[in-house]
Amino acid sequence: MLFVLCAGVVGLFFAFRGKIVDVAYAEGNCVDSMPTSTTVQSVAPNPVPCTSSKAVGKILKVADGKTLADTDTICGAVSGATSSVQITISGTTKLLCLGPK
């Protein structure tokens, strides 16, 4: 019985892990770094609590299916956005418009 319960919990984790990561990169959350150029970053910023001393930027907008090529169009209209980063989660590209924390 315990094995079945543990297997079910593990199965749920794998089924929803993409959604858990999506929630971490939601509007209003903070990240530990902000790119300073428009080149594609090899390492995505890590989501951190906004109360953390590691938080340097805030996610102001998340645009699904968009890339850095869409930065001017998407992030240009976001008040306070000073940077952007492209990430890929579960095969979906997202453009994060970032501003200072």
PDB file of N, CA and C in Angstrom:
ATOM      1  N   MET A   1       0.827  -1.194   0.000  1.00  0.00           N
ATOM      2  CA  MET A   1       0.000   0.000   0.000  1.00  0.00           C
ATOM      3  C   MET A   1       0.875   1.264   0.000  1.00  0.00           C
ATOM      4  N   LEU A   2       1.913   1.266   0.835  1.00  0.00           N
ATOM      5  CA  LEU A   2       2.807   2.421   0.903  1.00  0.00           C
ATOM      6  C   LEU A   2       3.521   2.625  -0.437  1.00  0.00           C
ATOM      7  N   PHE A   3       3.905   1.526  -1.081  1.00  0.00           N
ATOM      8  CA  PHE A   3       4.566   1.612  -2.381  1.00  0.00           C
ATOM      9  C   PHE A   3       3.651   2.273  -3.417  1.00  0.00           C
ATOM     10  N   VAL A   4       2.392   1.891  -3.416  1.00  0.00           N
ATOM     11  CA  VAL A   4       1.423   2.456  -4.368  1.00  0.00           C
ATOM     12  C   VAL A   4       1.257   3.949  -4.105  1.00  0.00           C
ATOM     13  N   LEU A   5       1.208   4.340  -2.857  1.00  0.00           N
ATOM     14  CA  LEU A   5       1.061   5.748  -2.496  1.00  0.00           C
ATOM     15  C   LEU A   5       2.288   6.541  -2.947  1.00  0.00           C
ATOM     16  N   CYS A   6       3.479   6.020  -2.675  1.00  0.00           N
ATOM     17  CA  CYS A   6       4.717   6.693  -3.082  1.00  0.00           C
ATOM     18  C   CYS A   6       4.813   6.793  -4.601  1.00  0.00           C
ATOM     19  N   ALA A   7       4.460   5.730  -5.293  1.00  0.00           N
ATOM     20  CA  ALA A   7       4.489   5.736  -6.751  1.00  0.00           C
ATOM     21  C   ALA A   7       3.517   6.777  -7.307  1.00  0.00           C
ATOM     22  N   GLY A   8       2.373   6.910  -6.667  1.00  0.00           N
ATOM     23  CA  GLY A   8       1.389   7.907  -7.096  1.00  0.00           C
ATOM     24  C   GLY A   8       1.907   9.320  -6.910  1.00  0.00           C
ATOM     25  N   VAL A   9       2.573   9.581  -5.795  1.00  0.00           N
ATOM     26  CA  VAL A   9       3.134  10.914  -5.531  1.00  0.00           C
ATOM     27  C   VAL A   9       4.222  11.233  -6.551  1.00  0.00           C
ATOM     28  N   VAL A  10       5.098  10.276  -6.813  1.00  0.00           N
ATOM     29  CA  VAL A  10       6.153  10.475  -7.805  1.00  0.00           C
ATOM     30  C   VAL A  10       5.540  10.715  -9.186  1.00  0.00           C
ATOM     31  N   GLY A  11       4.529   9.952  -9.529  1.00  0.00           N
ATOM     32  CA  GLY A  11       3.855  10.133 -10.814  1.00  0.00           C
ATOM     33  C   GLY A  11       3.245  11.513 -10.950  1.00  0.00           C
ATOM     34  N   LEU A  12       2.605  12.000  -9.902  1.00  0.00           N
ATOM     35  CA  LEU A  12       2.024  13.346  -9.924  1.00  0.00           C
ATOM     36  C   LEU A  12       3.097  14.414 -10.072  1.00  0.00           C
ATOM     37  N   PHE A  13       4.215  14.221  -9.380  1.00  0.00           N
ATOM     38  CA  PHE A  13       5.307  15.183  -9.484  1.00  0.00           C
ATOM     39  C   PHE A  13       5.775  15.305 -10.932  1.00  0.00           C
ATOM     40  N   PHE A  14       6.011  14.162 -11.584  1.00  0.00           N
ATOM     41  CA  PHE A  14       6.475  14.206 -12.968  1.00  0.00           C
ATOM     42  C   PHE A  14       5.413  14.759 -13.904  1.00  0.00           C
ATOM     43  N   ALA A  15       4.165  14.502 -13.626  1.00  0.00           N
ATOM     44  CA  ALA A  15       3.085  15.001 -14.471  1.00  0.00           C
ATOM     45  C   ALA A  15       2.955  16.524 -14.376  1.00  0.00           C
ATOM     46  N   PHE A  16       3.243  17.076 -13.199  1.00  0.00           N
ATOM     47  CA  PHE A  16       3.040  18.508 -12.977  1.00  0.00           C
ATOM     48  C   PHE A  16       4.324  19.309 -12.863  1.00  0.00           C
ATOM     49  N   ARG A  17       5.485  18.706 -13.085  1.00  0.00           N
ATOM     50  CA  ARG A  17       6.731  19.435 -12.879  1.00  0.00           C
ATOM     51  C   ARG A  17       6.852  20.631 -13.809  1.00  0.00           C
ATOM     52  N   GLY A  18       6.348  20.547 -15.027  1.00  0.00           N
ATOM     53  CA  GLY A  18       6.376  21.691 -15.931  1.00  0.00           C
ATOM     54  C   GLY A  18       5.543  22.833 -15.398  1.00  0.00           C
ATOM     55  N   LYS A  19       4.398  22.516 -14.813  1.00  0.00           N
ATOM     56  CA  LYS A  19       3.531  23.553 -14.238  1.00  0.00           C
ATOM     57  C   LYS A  19       4.174  24.182 -13.013  1.00  0.00           C
ATOM     58  N   ILE A  20       4.900  23.387 -12.232  1.00  0.00           N
ATOM     59  CA  ILE A  20       5.589  23.922 -11.056  1.00  0.00           C
ATOM     60  C   ILE A  20       6.620  24.947 -11.502  1.00  0.00           C
ATOM     61  N   VAL A  21       7.374  24.646 -12.545  1.00  0.00           N
ATOM     62  CA  VAL A  21       8.367  25.577 -13.069  1.00  0.00           C
ATOM     63  C   VAL A  21       7.681  26.791 -13.661  1.00  0.00           C
ATOM     64  N   ASP A  22       6.561  26.601 -14.369  1.00  0.00           N
ATOM     65  CA  ASP A  22       5.794  27.726 -14.913  1.00  0.00           C
ATOM     66  C   ASP A  22       5.405  28.698 -13.811  1.00  0.00           C
ATOM     67  N   VAL A  23       4.957  28.200 -12.702  1.00  0.00           N
ATOM     68  CA  VAL A  23       4.538  29.045 -11.580  1.00  0.00           C
ATOM     69  C   VAL A  23       5.727  29.834 -11.034  1.00  0.00           C
ATOM     70  N   ALA A  24       6.901  29.216 -11.018  1.00  0.00           N
ATOM     71  CA  ALA A  24       8.094  29.895 -10.515  1.00  0.00           C
ATOM     72  C   ALA A  24       8.470  31.092 -11.394  1.00  0.00           C
ATOM     73  N   TYR A  25       8.200  30.998 -12.686  1.00  0.00           N
ATOM     74  CA  TYR A  25       8.515  32.080 -13.616  1.00  0.00           C
ATOM     75  C   TYR A  25       7.263  32.890 -13.972  1.00  0.00           C
ATOM     76  N   ALA A  26       6.392  33.116 -13.021  1.00  0.00           N
ATOM     77  CA  ALA A  26       5.153  33.868 -13.251  1.00  0.00           C
ATOM     78  C   ALA A  26       5.379  35.358 -13.012  1.00  0.00           C
ATOM     79  N   GLU A  27       4.519  36.161 -13.604  1.00  0.00           N
ATOM     80  CA  GLU A  27       4.575  37.613 -13.398  1.00  0.00           C
ATOM     81  C   GLU A  27       4.486  37.932 -11.913  1.00  0.00           C
ATOM     82  N   GLY A  28       5.312  38.870 -11.475  1.00  0.00           N
ATOM     83  CA  GLY A  28       5.329  39.287 -10.081  1.00  0.00           C
ATOM     84  C   GLY A  28       6.386  38.574  -9.258  1.00  0.00           C
ATOM     85  N   ASN A  29       6.920  37.463  -9.764  1.00  0.00           N
ATOM     86  CA  ASN A  29       7.982  36.757  -9.055  1.00  0.00           C
ATOM     87  C   ASN A  29       9.327  37.399  -9.375  1.00  0.00           C
ATOM     88  N   CYS A  30      10.351  37.026  -8.612  1.00  0.00           N
ATOM     89  CA  CYS A  30      11.672  37.617  -8.781  1.00  0.00           C
ATOM     90  C   CYS A  30      12.689  36.595  -9.267  1.00  0.00           C
ATOM     91  N   VAL A  31      13.796  37.098  -9.816  1.00  0.00           N
ATOM     92  CA  VAL A  31      14.886  36.259 -10.309  1.00  0.00           C
ATOM     93  C   VAL A  31      16.202  36.754  -9.728  1.00  0.00           C
ATOM     94  N   ASP A  32      17.211  35.865  -9.790  1.00  0.00           N
ATOM     95  CA  ASP A  32      18.504  36.178  -9.174  1.00  0.00           C
ATOM     96  C   ASP A  32      19.492  36.882 -10.093  1.00  0.00           C
ATOM     97  N   SER A  33      19.132  37.088 -11.355  1.00  0.00           N
ATOM     98  CA  SER A  33      20.018  37.820 -12.268  1.00  0.00           C
ATOM     99  C   SER A  33      19.204  38.433 -13.390  1.00  0.00           C
ATOM    100  N   MET A  34      19.769  39.497 -13.967  1.00  0.00           N
ATOM    101  CA  MET A  34      19.140  40.147 -15.112  1.00  0.00           C
ATOM    102  C   MET A  34      20.201  40.325 -16.180  1.00  0.00           C
ATOM    103  N   PRO A  35      19.921  39.891 -17.400  1.00  0.00           N
ATOM    104  CA  PRO A  35      20.908  40.078 -18.461  1.00  0.00           C
ATOM    105  C   PRO A  35      21.125  41.561 -18.737  1.00  0.00           C
ATOM    106  N   THR A  36      22.339  41.884 -19.130  1.00  0.00           N
ATOM    107  CA  THR A  36      22.653  43.281 -19.421  1.00  0.00           C
ATOM    108  C   THR A  36      22.865  43.519 -20.906  1.00  0.00           C
ATOM    109  N   SER A  37      22.623  42.484 -21.717  1.00  0.00           N
ATOM    110  CA  SER A  37      22.755  42.639 -23.164  1.00  0.00           C
ATOM    111  C   SER A  37      21.586  41.939 -23.843  1.00  0.00           C
ATOM    112  N   THR A  38      21.490  42.089 -25.140  1.00  0.00           N
ATOM    113  CA  THR A  38      20.389  41.479 -25.885  1.00  0.00           C
ATOM    114  C   THR A  38      20.778  40.132 -26.480  1.00  0.00           C
ATOM    115  N   THR A  39      21.951  39.619 -26.134  1.00  0.00           N
ATOM    116  CA  THR A  39      22.346  38.302 -26.635  1.00  0.00           C
ATOM    117  C   THR A  39      21.656  37.215 -25.825  1.00  0.00           C
ATOM    118  N   VAL A  40      21.461  36.067 -26.438  1.00  0.00           N
ATOM    119  CA  VAL A  40      20.815  34.954 -25.750  1.00  0.00           C
ATOM    120  C   VAL A  40      21.710  34.495 -24.604  1.00  0.00           C
ATOM    121  N   GLN A  41      21.143  34.394 -23.426  1.00  0.00           N
ATOM    122  CA  GLN A  41      21.886  33.965 -22.251  1.00  0.00           C
ATOM    123  C   GLN A  41      21.948  32.450 -22.227  1.00  0.00           C
ATOM    124  N   SER A  42      23.111  31.908 -21.893  1.00  0.00           N
ATOM    125  CA  SER A  42      23.250  30.448 -21.851  1.00  0.00           C
ATOM    126  C   SER A  42      22.650  29.859 -20.581  1.00  0.00           C
ATOM    127  N   VAL A  43      22.504  30.663 -19.556  1.00  0.00           N
ATOM    128  CA  VAL A  43      21.933  30.197 -18.292  1.00  0.00           C
ATOM    129  C   VAL A  43      20.766  31.108 -17.937  1.00  0.00           C
ATOM    130  N   ALA A  44      19.611  30.511 -17.734  1.00  0.00           N
ATOM    131  CA  ALA A  44      18.425  31.289 -17.371  1.00  0.00           C
ATOM    132  C   ALA A  44      18.554  31.763 -15.921  1.00  0.00           C
ATOM    133  N   PRO A  45      17.993  32.912 -15.607  1.00  0.00           N
ATOM    134  CA  PRO A  45      18.001  33.341 -14.215  1.00  0.00           C
ATOM    135  C   PRO A  45      17.161  32.387 -13.382  1.00  0.00           C
ATOM    136  N   ASN A  46      17.555  32.201 -12.155  1.00  0.00           N
ATOM    137  CA  ASN A  46      16.808  31.318 -11.253  1.00  0.00           C
ATOM    138  C   ASN A  46      15.709  32.096 -10.546  1.00  0.00           C
ATOM    139  N   PRO A  47      14.522  31.506 -10.417  1.00  0.00           N
ATOM    140  CA  PRO A  47      13.478  32.171  -9.642  1.00  0.00           C
ATOM    141  C   PRO A  47      13.857  32.136  -8.161  1.00  0.00           C
ATOM    142  N   VAL A  48      13.659  33.245  -7.482  1.00  0.00           N
ATOM    143  CA  VAL A  48      13.927  33.340  -6.042  1.00  0.00           C
ATOM    144  C   VAL A  48      12.804  34.151  -5.397  1.00  0.00           C
ATOM    145  N   PRO A  49      12.583  33.976  -4.099  1.00  0.00           N
ATOM    146  CA  PRO A  49      11.574  34.806  -3.430  1.00  0.00           C
ATOM    147  C   PRO A  49      11.981  36.282  -3.512  1.00  0.00           C
ATOM    148  N   CYS A  50      11.027  37.149  -3.684  1.00  0.00           N
ATOM    149  CA  CYS A  50      11.322  38.580  -3.779  1.00  0.00           C
ATOM    150  C   CYS A  50      11.900  39.127  -2.472  1.00  0.00           C
ATOM    151  N   THR A  51      11.705  38.430  -1.390  1.00  0.00           N
ATOM    152  CA  THR A  51      12.251  38.854  -0.101  1.00  0.00           C
ATOM    153  C   THR A  51      13.699  38.415   0.083  1.00  0.00           C
ATOM    154  N   SER A  52      14.209  37.595  -0.842  1.00  0.00           N
ATOM    155  CA  SER A  52      15.578  37.088  -0.752  1.00  0.00           C
ATOM    156  C   SER A  52      16.584  38.179  -1.100  1.00  0.00           C
ATOM    157  N   SER A  53      17.741  38.130  -0.451  1.00  0.00           N
ATOM    158  CA  SER A  53      18.806  39.079  -0.778  1.00  0.00           C
ATOM    159  C   SER A  53      19.380  38.798  -2.168  1.00  0.00           C
ATOM    160  N   LYS A  54      19.108  37.629  -2.734  1.00  0.00           N
ATOM    161  CA  LYS A  54      19.586  37.267  -4.074  1.00  0.00           C
ATOM    162  C   LYS A  54      18.700  37.852  -5.176  1.00  0.00           C
ATOM    163  N   ALA A  55      17.510  38.319  -4.834  1.00  0.00           N
ATOM    164  CA  ALA A  55      16.575  38.842  -5.837  1.00  0.00           C
ATOM    165  C   ALA A  55      17.075  40.181  -6.371  1.00  0.00           C
ATOM    166  N   VAL A  56      17.285  40.241  -7.687  1.00  0.00           N
ATOM    167  CA  VAL A  56      17.734  41.486  -8.304  1.00  0.00           C
ATOM    168  C   VAL A  56      16.753  42.005  -9.351  1.00  0.00           C
ATOM    169  N   GLY A  57      15.892  41.147  -9.840  1.00  0.00           N
ATOM    170  CA  GLY A  57      14.933  41.554 -10.858  1.00  0.00           C
ATOM    171  C   GLY A  57      13.564  40.974 -10.610  1.00  0.00           C
ATOM    172  N   LYS A  58      12.569  41.634 -11.172  1.00  0.00           N
ATOM    173  CA  LYS A  58      11.180  41.192 -11.030  1.00  0.00           C
ATOM    174  C   LYS A  58      10.618  40.895 -12.412  1.00  0.00           C
ATOM    175  N   ILE A  59       9.863  39.806 -12.513  1.00  0.00           N
ATOM    176  CA  ILE A  59       9.234  39.439 -13.782  1.00  0.00           C
ATOM    177  C   ILE A  59       7.985  40.303 -13.947  1.00  0.00           C
ATOM    178  N   LEU A  60       8.013  41.166 -14.946  1.00  0.00           N
ATOM    179  CA  LEU A  60       6.898  42.088 -15.178  1.00  0.00           C
ATOM    180  C   LEU A  60       5.898  41.548 -16.188  1.00  0.00           C
ATOM    181  N   LYS A  61       6.374  40.697 -17.099  1.00  0.00           N
ATOM    182  CA  LYS A  61       5.483  40.104 -18.104  1.00  0.00           C
ATOM    183  C   LYS A  61       6.099  38.807 -18.598  1.00  0.00           C
ATOM    184  N   VAL A  62       5.244  37.814 -18.868  1.00  0.00           N
ATOM    185  CA  VAL A  62       5.659  36.552 -19.464  1.00  0.00           C
ATOM    186  C   VAL A  62       4.882  36.385 -20.760  1.00  0.00           C
ATOM    187  N   ALA A  63       5.603  36.205 -21.859  1.00  0.00           N
ATOM    188  CA  ALA A  63       4.961  36.033 -23.167  1.00  0.00           C
ATOM    189  C   ALA A  63       5.309  34.648 -23.704  1.00  0.00           C
ATOM    190  N   ASP A  64       4.327  33.762 -23.746  1.00  0.00           N
ATOM    191  CA  ASP A  64       4.528  32.405 -24.244  1.00  0.00           C
ATOM    192  C   ASP A  64       4.754  32.416 -25.751  1.00  0.00           C
ATOM    193  N   GLY A  65       5.680  31.550 -26.199  1.00  0.00           N
ATOM    194  CA  GLY A  65       5.932  31.399 -27.621  1.00  0.00           C
ATOM    195  C   GLY A  65       6.699  32.552 -28.248  1.00  0.00           C
ATOM    196  N   LYS A  66       7.225  33.447 -27.445  1.00  0.00           N
ATOM    197  CA  LYS A  66       7.963  34.604 -27.963  1.00  0.00           C
ATOM    198  C   LYS A  66       9.451  34.426 -27.690  1.00  0.00           C
ATOM    199  N   THR A  67      10.281  35.131 -28.464  1.00  0.00           N
ATOM    200  CA  THR A  67      11.735  35.046 -28.329  1.00  0.00           C
ATOM    201  C   THR A  67      12.318  36.436 -28.147  1.00  0.00           C
ATOM    202  N   LEU A  68      13.648  36.505 -28.028  1.00  0.00           N
ATOM    203  CA  LEU A  68      14.311  37.800 -27.884  1.00  0.00           C
ATOM    204  C   LEU A  68      14.047  38.708 -29.076  1.00  0.00           C
ATOM    205  N   ALA A  69      13.744  38.137 -30.224  1.00  0.00           N
ATOM    206  CA  ALA A  69      13.417  38.944 -31.409  1.00  0.00           C
ATOM    207  C   ALA A  69      12.146  39.768 -31.186  1.00  0.00           C
ATOM    208  N   ASP A  70      11.302  39.344 -30.244  1.00  0.00           N
ATOM    209  CA  ASP A  70      10.042  40.040 -29.950  1.00  0.00           C
ATOM    210  C   ASP A  70      10.177  41.032 -28.797  1.00  0.00           C
ATOM    211  N   THR A  71      11.390  41.239 -28.294  1.00  0.00           N
ATOM    212  CA  THR A  71      11.594  42.073 -27.110  1.00  0.00           C
ATOM    213  C   THR A  71      11.032  43.477 -27.269  1.00  0.00           C
ATOM    214  N   ASP A  72      11.366  44.152 -28.366  1.00  0.00           N
ATOM    215  CA  ASP A  72      10.895  45.531 -28.540  1.00  0.00           C
ATOM    216  C   ASP A  72       9.378  45.602 -28.561  1.00  0.00           C
ATOM    217  N   THR A  73       8.748  44.688 -29.252  1.00  0.00           N
ATOM    218  CA  THR A  73       7.294  44.684 -29.372  1.00  0.00           C
ATOM    219  C   THR A  73       6.620  44.358 -28.048  1.00  0.00           C
ATOM    220  N   ILE A  74       7.094  43.313 -27.374  1.00  0.00           N
ATOM    221  CA  ILE A  74       6.438  42.840 -26.147  1.00  0.00           C
ATOM    222  C   ILE A  74       6.859  43.659 -24.928  1.00  0.00           C
ATOM    223  N   CYS A  75       8.149  43.723 -24.667  1.00  0.00           N
ATOM    224  CA  CYS A  75       8.636  44.365 -23.441  1.00  0.00           C
ATOM    225  C   CYS A  75       8.678  45.886 -23.552  1.00  0.00           C
ATOM    226  N   GLY A  76       8.738  46.392 -24.780  1.00  0.00           N
ATOM    227  CA  GLY A  76       8.756  47.836 -24.961  1.00  0.00           C
ATOM    228  C   GLY A  76       7.502  48.504 -24.426  1.00  0.00           C
ATOM    229  N   ALA A  77       6.406  47.782 -24.396  1.00  0.00           N
ATOM    230  CA  ALA A  77       5.133  48.327 -23.915  1.00  0.00           C
ATOM    231  C   ALA A  77       4.918  48.104 -22.416  1.00  0.00           C
ATOM    232  N   VAL A  78       5.880  47.452 -21.749  1.00  0.00           N
ATOM    233  CA  VAL A  78       5.735  47.139 -20.322  1.00  0.00           C
ATOM    234  C   VAL A  78       6.437  48.212 -19.498  1.00  0.00           C
ATOM    235  N   SER A  79       5.676  48.915 -18.692  1.00  0.00           N
ATOM    236  CA  SER A  79       6.218  49.973 -17.855  1.00  0.00           C
ATOM    237  C   SER A  79       7.247  49.404 -16.870  1.00  0.00           C
ATOM    238  N   GLY A  80       8.436  49.985 -16.857  1.00  0.00           N
ATOM    239  CA  GLY A  80       9.475  49.568 -15.921  1.00  0.00           C
ATOM    240  C   GLY A  80      10.388  48.469 -16.422  1.00  0.00           C
ATOM    241  N   ALA A  81      10.088  47.890 -17.583  1.00  0.00           N
ATOM    242  CA  ALA A  81      10.926  46.802 -18.108  1.00  0.00           C
ATOM    243  C   ALA A  81      12.252  47.376 -18.605  1.00  0.00           C
ATOM    244  N   THR A  82      13.343  46.805 -18.108  1.00  0.00           N
ATOM    245  CA  THR A  82      14.668  47.268 -18.494  1.00  0.00           C
ATOM    246  C   THR A  82      15.502  46.164 -19.129  1.00  0.00           C
ATOM    247  N   SER A  83      15.000  44.940 -19.110  1.00  0.00           N
ATOM    248  CA  SER A  83      15.750  43.798 -19.598  1.00  0.00           C
ATOM    249  C   SER A  83      14.781  42.702 -20.004  1.00  0.00           C
ATOM    250  N   SER A  84      15.275  41.738 -20.760  1.00  0.00           N
ATOM    251  CA  SER A  84      14.454  40.584 -21.112  1.00  0.00           C
ATOM    252  C   SER A  84      15.338  39.361 -21.222  1.00  0.00           C
ATOM    253  N   VAL A  85      14.723  38.209 -21.086  1.00  0.00           N
ATOM    254  CA  VAL A  85      15.439  36.947 -21.219  1.00  0.00           C
ATOM    255  C   VAL A  85      14.496  35.925 -21.831  1.00  0.00           C
ATOM    256  N   GLN A  86      15.054  35.078 -22.666  1.00  0.00           N
ATOM    257  CA  GLN A  86      14.292  34.003 -23.296  1.00  0.00           C
ATOM    258  C   GLN A  86      14.625  32.711 -22.564  1.00  0.00           C
ATOM    259  N   ILE A  87      13.594  31.982 -22.153  1.00  0.00           N
ATOM    260  CA  ILE A  87      13.799  30.688 -21.502  1.00  0.00           C
ATOM    261  C   ILE A  87      12.944  29.644 -22.213  1.00  0.00           C
ATOM    262  N   THR A  88      13.289  28.389 -22.015  1.00  0.00           N
ATOM    263  CA  THR A  88      12.493  27.295 -22.562  1.00  0.00           C
ATOM    264  C   THR A  88      12.116  26.377 -21.418  1.00  0.00           C
ATOM    265  N   ILE A  89      10.817  26.166 -21.249  1.00  0.00           N
ATOM    266  CA  ILE A  89      10.285  25.301 -20.190  1.00  0.00           C
ATOM    267  C   ILE A  89       9.399  24.261 -20.842  1.00  0.00           C
ATOM    268  N   SER A  90       9.710  23.013 -20.607  1.00  0.00           N
ATOM    269  CA  SER A  90       8.922  21.901 -21.152  1.00  0.00           C
ATOM    270  C   SER A  90       8.685  22.062 -22.655  1.00  0.00           C
ATOM    271  N   GLY A  91       9.705  22.511 -23.377  1.00  0.00           N
ATOM    272  CA  GLY A  91       9.608  22.654 -24.816  1.00  0.00           C
ATOM    273  C   GLY A  91       8.942  23.926 -25.299  1.00  0.00           C
ATOM    274  N   THR A  92       8.498  24.788 -24.381  1.00  0.00           N
ATOM    275  CA  THR A  92       7.839  26.037 -24.747  1.00  0.00           C
ATOM    276  C   THR A  92       8.775  27.212 -24.488  1.00  0.00           C
ATOM    277  N   THR A  93       8.940  28.044 -25.497  1.00  0.00           N
ATOM    278  CA  THR A  93       9.768  29.246 -25.354  1.00  0.00           C
ATOM    279  C   THR A  93       8.945  30.336 -24.707  1.00  0.00           C
ATOM    280  N   LYS A  94       9.575  31.035 -23.763  1.00  0.00           N
ATOM    281  CA  LYS A  94       8.916  32.149 -23.083  1.00  0.00           C
ATOM    282  C   LYS A  94       9.852  33.335 -23.071  1.00  0.00           C
ATOM    283  N   LEU A  95       9.296  34.512 -23.228  1.00  0.00           N
ATOM    284  CA  LEU A  95      10.052  35.752 -23.113  1.00  0.00           C
ATOM    285  C   LEU A  95       9.651  36.386 -21.792  1.00  0.00           C
ATOM    286  N   LEU A  96      10.641  36.633 -20.947  1.00  0.00           N
ATOM    287  CA  LEU A  96      10.394  37.280 -19.661  1.00  0.00           C
ATOM    288  C   LEU A  96      10.835  38.731 -19.764  1.00  0.00           C
ATOM    289  N   CYS A  97       9.929  39.650 -19.482  1.00  0.00           N
ATOM    290  CA  CYS A  97      10.268  41.059 -19.412  1.00  0.00           C
ATOM    291  C   CYS A  97      10.588  41.365 -17.953  1.00  0.00           C
ATOM    292  N   LEU A  98      11.793  41.876 -17.711  1.00  0.00           N
ATOM    293  CA  LEU A  98      12.272  42.054 -16.342  1.00  0.00           C
ATOM    294  C   LEU A  98      12.486  43.522 -16.022  1.00  0.00           C
ATOM    295  N   GLY A  99      12.310  43.830 -14.757  1.00  0.00           N
ATOM    296  CA  GLY A  99      12.584  45.180 -14.259  1.00  0.00           C
ATOM    297  C   GLY A  99      13.259  45.055 -12.913  1.00  0.00           C
ATOM    298  N   PRO A 100      13.780  46.165 -12.394  1.00  0.00           N
ATOM    299  CA  PRO A 100      14.434  46.113 -11.092  1.00  0.00           C
ATOM    300  C   PRO A 100      13.466  45.732  -9.991  1.00  0.00           C
ATOM    301  N   LYS A 101      14.004  45.034  -9.027  1.00  0.00           N
ATOM    302  CA  LYS A 101      13.180  44.586  -7.890  1.00  0.00           C
ATOM    303  C   LYS A 101      12.760  45.765  -7.099  1.00  0.00           C
TER     304      LYS A 101
END
